[in-house]
Protein backbone atom coordinates (compact mmCIF):
# COMPACT_ATOMS: atom_id res chain seq x y z
CA MET A 1 103.52 112.10 122.54
CA PHE A 2 105.77 113.92 119.99
CA ALA A 3 107.40 115.97 122.50
CA PHE A 4 107.92 113.24 124.81
CA MET A 5 110.02 111.15 122.01
CA ILE A 6 112.25 114.09 121.09
CA GLU A 7 112.73 114.92 124.93
CA SER A 8 113.70 111.23 125.02
CA ALA A 9 116.66 111.50 122.55
CA THR A 10 118.82 113.75 125.15
CA SER A 11 117.74 112.90 128.56
CA PRO A 12 118.24 109.59 129.92
CA GLU A 13 115.09 109.19 131.96
CA PRO A 14 112.43 109.98 129.53
CA ALA A 15 114.44 107.86 127.19
CA ALA A 16 114.44 104.84 129.49
CA VAL A 17 110.11 105.23 129.43
CA TRP A 18 110.15 105.59 126.29
CA ASP A 19 111.97 102.36 125.51
CA ASP A 20 110.28 100.56 127.88
CA HIS A 21 106.91 101.91 126.00
CA ILE A 22 108.18 100.77 122.67
CA SER A 23 109.86 97.32 123.49
CA ARG A 24 106.19 96.17 124.44
CA TRP A 25 105.52 96.13 120.88
CA THR A 26 108.65 95.77 119.01
CA ALA A 27 112.21 94.20 120.13
CA PRO A 28 115.00 95.21 118.07
CA PRO A 29 116.62 92.93 115.78
CA VAL A 30 118.65 90.21 116.81
CA SER A 31 120.20 88.94 113.77
CA ALA A 32 120.41 89.23 110.14
CA GLU A 33 117.84 86.77 108.98
CA PRO A 34 115.69 87.68 106.62
CA GLN A 35 112.61 87.65 108.79
CA ASP A 36 114.22 89.82 111.55
CA ILE A 37 115.34 92.03 108.20
CA ASP A 38 111.92 92.07 107.34
CA LEU A 39 110.35 92.97 110.44
CA LEU A 40 112.63 95.78 111.03
CA VAL A 41 112.30 97.23 107.47
CA ALA A 42 108.28 96.87 108.66
CA ARG A 43 108.60 99.06 111.75
CA LEU A 44 110.89 101.43 109.90
CA ALA A 45 107.64 101.76 107.33
CA ALA A 46 105.28 102.08 110.13
CA ASP A 47 107.38 104.49 112.21
CA GLY A 48 107.96 106.76 109.00
CA LEU A 49 104.09 106.68 108.02
CA TRP A 50 103.26 107.99 112.02
CA LEU A 51 106.12 110.57 111.91
CA LEU A 52 104.76 111.69 108.41
CA GLU A 53 101.11 111.96 109.94
CA ALA A 54 102.32 113.67 112.98
CA THR A 55 104.42 116.28 111.80
CA SER A 56 102.58 116.99 108.67
CA GLY A 57 99.04 116.52 109.00
CA VAL A 58 99.33 114.48 105.60
CA ARG A 59 96.69 111.69 105.90
CA LEU A 60 96.82 108.92 103.37
CA PRO A 61 93.73 107.28 102.09
CA ALA A 62 92.65 104.09 103.01
CA PRO A 63 93.44 102.51 99.75
CA VAL A 64 97.13 103.63 100.38
CA ARG A 65 97.38 102.78 104.02
CA ARG A 66 95.94 98.95 103.61
CA PRO A 67 98.74 96.59 103.08
CA CYS A 68 99.20 95.17 99.82
CA GLY A 69 96.81 92.18 98.68
CA THR A 70 94.45 92.62 101.38
CA GLY A 71 91.49 94.67 99.59
C-alpha cells in the first residue's frame, strides 16, 4: 500500500485510483469553518500515525492510541 501511495505522487493513473480510494473515507475541507478544520486536523493526525507505524515499526501502546476521555 505504501509503495502504491508513493508511486501515485508522481503518476496520474495510480493517483486517480488512490484519490478515489481515499475519498470514500474523507473529503477535502470545503470551508474554514471550525468543524471542517477539526476534521482536517483529525485526518492529518491519523495519517501521521499511519505513516509513523508504516515506516518506523513503532506501534504506540493502546492507552496512547485511545482518544482522550474514552477510558
